[in-house]
Amino acid sequence: MSKYAPQVYTDPGDIARLETLVSDLPDNACVSVVEHDGTTTTGVVAALPTVQSFRDEKENEGMNGVVRLEDTGLPGGYRTIWLDRIERVIQLDSVKGSPAS
């Protein structure tokens, strides 16, 4: 993983939000991730994401993280999404691919 992120965060509230997203993205969960711009990606969480230290383009240090969603329907079989771009996570039934009850 790169040591650079498009955006980094130092505010405790922002970091807490990123950590909450990690708890919504457990290993091997089938999820739909909705980004702030409305993009929705559905797949299986390849590995538990973590909030880590990165630098932005101005060399400011802060926190961010990524989640890798795997699905054969995605280009290359997976998509990597920065945690800070996620608006919400929808847990899906791993068999039906529909929202879990």
C-alpha atoms as a PDB file:
ATOM      1  CA  MET A   1       0.000   0.000   0.000  1.00  0.00           C
ATOM      2  CA  SER A   2       1.188   3.501  -0.773  1.00  0.00           C
ATOM      3  CA  LYS A   3       2.224   5.874   1.969  1.00  0.00           C
ATOM      4  CA  TYR A   4       0.164   8.619   0.294  1.00  0.00           C
ATOM      5  CA  ALA A   5      -3.587   9.240   0.440  1.00  0.00           C
ATOM      6  CA  PRO A   6      -5.655  11.814  -1.434  1.00  0.00           C
ATOM      7  CA  GLN A   7      -6.932  13.109   1.924  1.00  0.00           C
ATOM      8  CA  VAL A   8      -5.712  12.610   5.505  1.00  0.00           C
ATOM      9  CA  TYR A   9      -7.434  13.342   8.805  1.00  0.00           C
ATOM     10  CA  THR A  10      -6.185  14.425  12.218  1.00  0.00           C
ATOM     11  CA  ASP A  11      -9.436  15.474  13.922  1.00  0.00           C
ATOM     12  CA  PRO A  12     -10.501  12.847  16.509  1.00  0.00           C
ATOM     13  CA  GLY A  13     -14.097  12.926  15.221  1.00  0.00           C
ATOM     14  CA  ASP A  14     -12.990  12.205  11.655  1.00  0.00           C
ATOM     15  CA  ILE A  15     -10.741   9.372  12.798  1.00  0.00           C
ATOM     16  CA  ALA A  16     -13.573   7.901  14.897  1.00  0.00           C
ATOM     17  CA  ARG A  17     -15.814   7.925  11.810  1.00  0.00           C
ATOM     18  CA  LEU A  18     -13.154   6.009   9.839  1.00  0.00           C
ATOM     19  CA  GLU A  19     -12.832   3.483  12.679  1.00  0.00           C
ATOM     20  CA  THR A  20     -16.616   3.025  12.753  1.00  0.00           C
ATOM     21  CA  LEU A  21     -16.545   2.226   9.041  1.00  0.00           C
ATOM     22  CA  VAL A  22     -13.913  -0.446   9.718  1.00  0.00           C
ATOM     23  CA  SER A  23     -16.292  -2.134  12.155  1.00  0.00           C
ATOM     24  CA  ASP A  24     -18.983  -2.104   9.420  1.00  0.00           C
ATOM     25  CA  LEU A  25     -16.615  -3.893   6.999  1.00  0.00           C
ATOM     26  CA  PRO A  26     -15.677  -7.223   8.612  1.00  0.00           C
ATOM     27  CA  ASP A  27     -13.528  -9.749   6.798  1.00  0.00           C
ATOM     28  CA  ASN A  28     -15.479 -11.726   4.157  1.00  0.00           C
ATOM     29  CA  ALA A  29     -18.682  -9.680   4.585  1.00  0.00           C
ATOM     30  CA  CYS A  30     -20.882  -9.221   1.525  1.00  0.00           C
ATOM     31  CA  VAL A  31     -21.626  -5.484   1.371  1.00  0.00           C
ATOM     32  CA  SER A  32     -22.676  -2.618  -0.848  1.00  0.00           C
ATOM     33  CA  VAL A  33     -20.619   0.512  -0.284  1.00  0.00           C
ATOM     34  CA  VAL A  34     -22.193   3.846  -1.212  1.00  0.00           C
ATOM     35  CA  GLU A  35     -19.732   6.691  -1.770  1.00  0.00           C
ATOM     36  CA  HIS A  36     -20.403  10.418  -1.271  1.00  0.00           C
ATOM     37  CA  ASP A  37     -20.749  10.872  -5.046  1.00  0.00           C
ATOM     38  CA  GLY A  38     -23.430   8.153  -5.224  1.00  0.00           C
ATOM     39  CA  THR A  39     -21.206   5.433  -6.666  1.00  0.00           C
ATOM     40  CA  THR A  40     -22.255   2.053  -5.285  1.00  0.00           C
ATOM     41  CA  THR A  41     -19.961  -0.976  -5.309  1.00  0.00           C
ATOM     42  CA  THR A  42     -21.047  -4.424  -4.171  1.00  0.00           C
ATOM     43  CA  GLY A  43     -18.593  -7.144  -3.243  1.00  0.00           C
ATOM     44  CA  VAL A  44     -16.951  -9.191  -0.539  1.00  0.00           C
ATOM     45  CA  VAL A  45     -14.541  -7.520   1.891  1.00  0.00           C
ATOM     46  CA  ALA A  46     -11.200  -9.145   1.020  1.00  0.00           C
ATOM     47  CA  ALA A  47      -9.519  -8.298   4.339  1.00  0.00           C
ATOM     48  CA  LEU A  48     -10.452  -6.277   7.388  1.00  0.00           C
ATOM     49  CA  PRO A  49      -9.521  -2.666   6.564  1.00  0.00           C
ATOM     50  CA  THR A  50      -7.439  -0.665   9.027  1.00  0.00           C
ATOM     51  CA  VAL A  51      -7.058   3.029   9.736  1.00  0.00           C
ATOM     52  CA  GLN A  52      -3.418   3.886   9.104  1.00  0.00           C
ATOM     53  CA  SER A  53      -1.053   6.798   8.929  1.00  0.00           C
ATOM     54  CA  PHE A  54      -0.623   8.366   5.478  1.00  0.00           C
ATOM     55  CA  ARG A  55       0.683  11.601   3.994  1.00  0.00           C
ATOM     56  CA  ASP A  56      -1.179  13.853   1.585  1.00  0.00           C
ATOM     57  CA  GLU A  57       0.330  15.596  -1.450  1.00  0.00           C
ATOM     58  CA  LYS A  58       1.581  18.438   0.802  1.00  0.00           C
ATOM     59  CA  GLU A  59       3.330  15.898   3.092  1.00  0.00           C
ATOM     60  CA  ASN A  60       0.819  16.479   5.929  1.00  0.00           C
ATOM     61  CA  GLU A  61       0.541  13.340   8.040  1.00  0.00           C
ATOM     62  CA  GLY A  62      -2.839  11.989   9.115  1.00  0.00           C
ATOM     63  CA  MET A  63      -5.121   8.980   9.043  1.00  0.00           C
ATOM     64  CA  ASN A  64      -7.161   7.211   6.364  1.00  0.00           C
ATOM     65  CA  GLY A  65      -7.636   3.672   5.110  1.00  0.00           C
ATOM     66  CA  VAL A  66      -8.885   1.539   2.252  1.00  0.00           C
ATOM     67  CA  VAL A  67     -11.209  -1.389   1.792  1.00  0.00           C
ATOM     68  CA  ARG A  68     -10.801  -3.880  -1.012  1.00  0.00           C
ATOM     69  CA  LEU A  69     -14.037  -5.338  -2.343  1.00  0.00           C
ATOM     70  CA  GLU A  70     -13.794  -8.453  -4.492  1.00  0.00           C
ATOM     71  CA  ASP A  71     -16.351  -9.429  -7.116  1.00  0.00           C
ATOM     72  CA  THR A  72     -15.809 -11.115 -10.470  1.00  0.00           C
ATOM     73  CA  GLY A  73     -18.119  -8.508 -12.021  1.00  0.00           C
ATOM     74  CA  LEU A  74     -15.728  -5.678 -11.141  1.00  0.00           C
ATOM     75  CA  PRO A  75     -12.900  -4.667 -13.509  1.00  0.00           C
ATOM     76  CA  GLY A  76      -9.880  -6.719 -12.456  1.00  0.00           C
ATOM     77  CA  GLY A  77     -12.077  -8.650 -10.029  1.00  0.00           C
ATOM     78  CA  TYR A  78     -11.841  -6.077  -7.239  1.00  0.00           C
ATOM     79  CA  ARG A  79     -12.112  -2.401  -6.329  1.00  0.00           C
ATOM     80  CA  THR A  80     -10.185  -0.492  -3.665  1.00  0.00           C
ATOM     81  CA  ILE A  81     -12.077   2.365  -1.975  1.00  0.00           C
ATOM     82  CA  TRP A  82     -10.713   5.012   0.406  1.00  0.00           C
ATOM     83  CA  LEU A  83     -12.632   4.880   3.696  1.00  0.00           C
ATOM     84  CA  ASP A  84     -13.209   8.637   3.797  1.00  0.00           C
ATOM     85  CA  ARG A  85     -15.175   8.439   0.531  1.00  0.00           C
ATOM     86  CA  ILE A  86     -17.744   6.053   2.001  1.00  0.00           C
ATOM     87  CA  GLU A  87     -21.163   7.516   2.819  1.00  0.00           C
ATOM     88  CA  ARG A  88     -22.654   4.269   4.107  1.00  0.00           C
ATOM     89  CA  VAL A  89     -22.262   0.507   4.158  1.00  0.00           C
ATOM     90  CA  ILE A  90     -25.174  -1.837   3.466  1.00  0.00           C
ATOM     91  CA  GLN A  91     -24.739  -5.356   4.853  1.00  0.00           C
ATOM     92  CA  LEU A  92     -25.997  -7.978   2.394  1.00  0.00           C
ATOM     93  CA  ASP A  93     -27.069 -11.554   2.842  1.00  0.00           C
ATOM     94  CA  SER A  94     -24.061 -13.497   1.587  1.00  0.00           C
ATOM     95  CA  VAL A  95     -26.258 -16.063  -0.173  1.00  0.00           C
ATOM     96  CA  LYS A  96     -28.960 -13.872  -1.736  1.00  0.00           C
ATOM     97  CA  GLY A  97     -27.014 -10.639  -2.172  1.00  0.00           C
ATOM     98  CA  SER A  98     -29.933  -8.724  -0.675  1.00  0.00           C
ATOM     99  CA  PRO A  99     -29.983  -6.455   2.400  1.00  0.00           C
ATOM    100  CA  ALA A 100     -29.629  -8.515   5.550  1.00  0.00           C
ATOM    101  CA  SER A 101     -32.605  -8.497   7.893  1.00  0.00           C
END
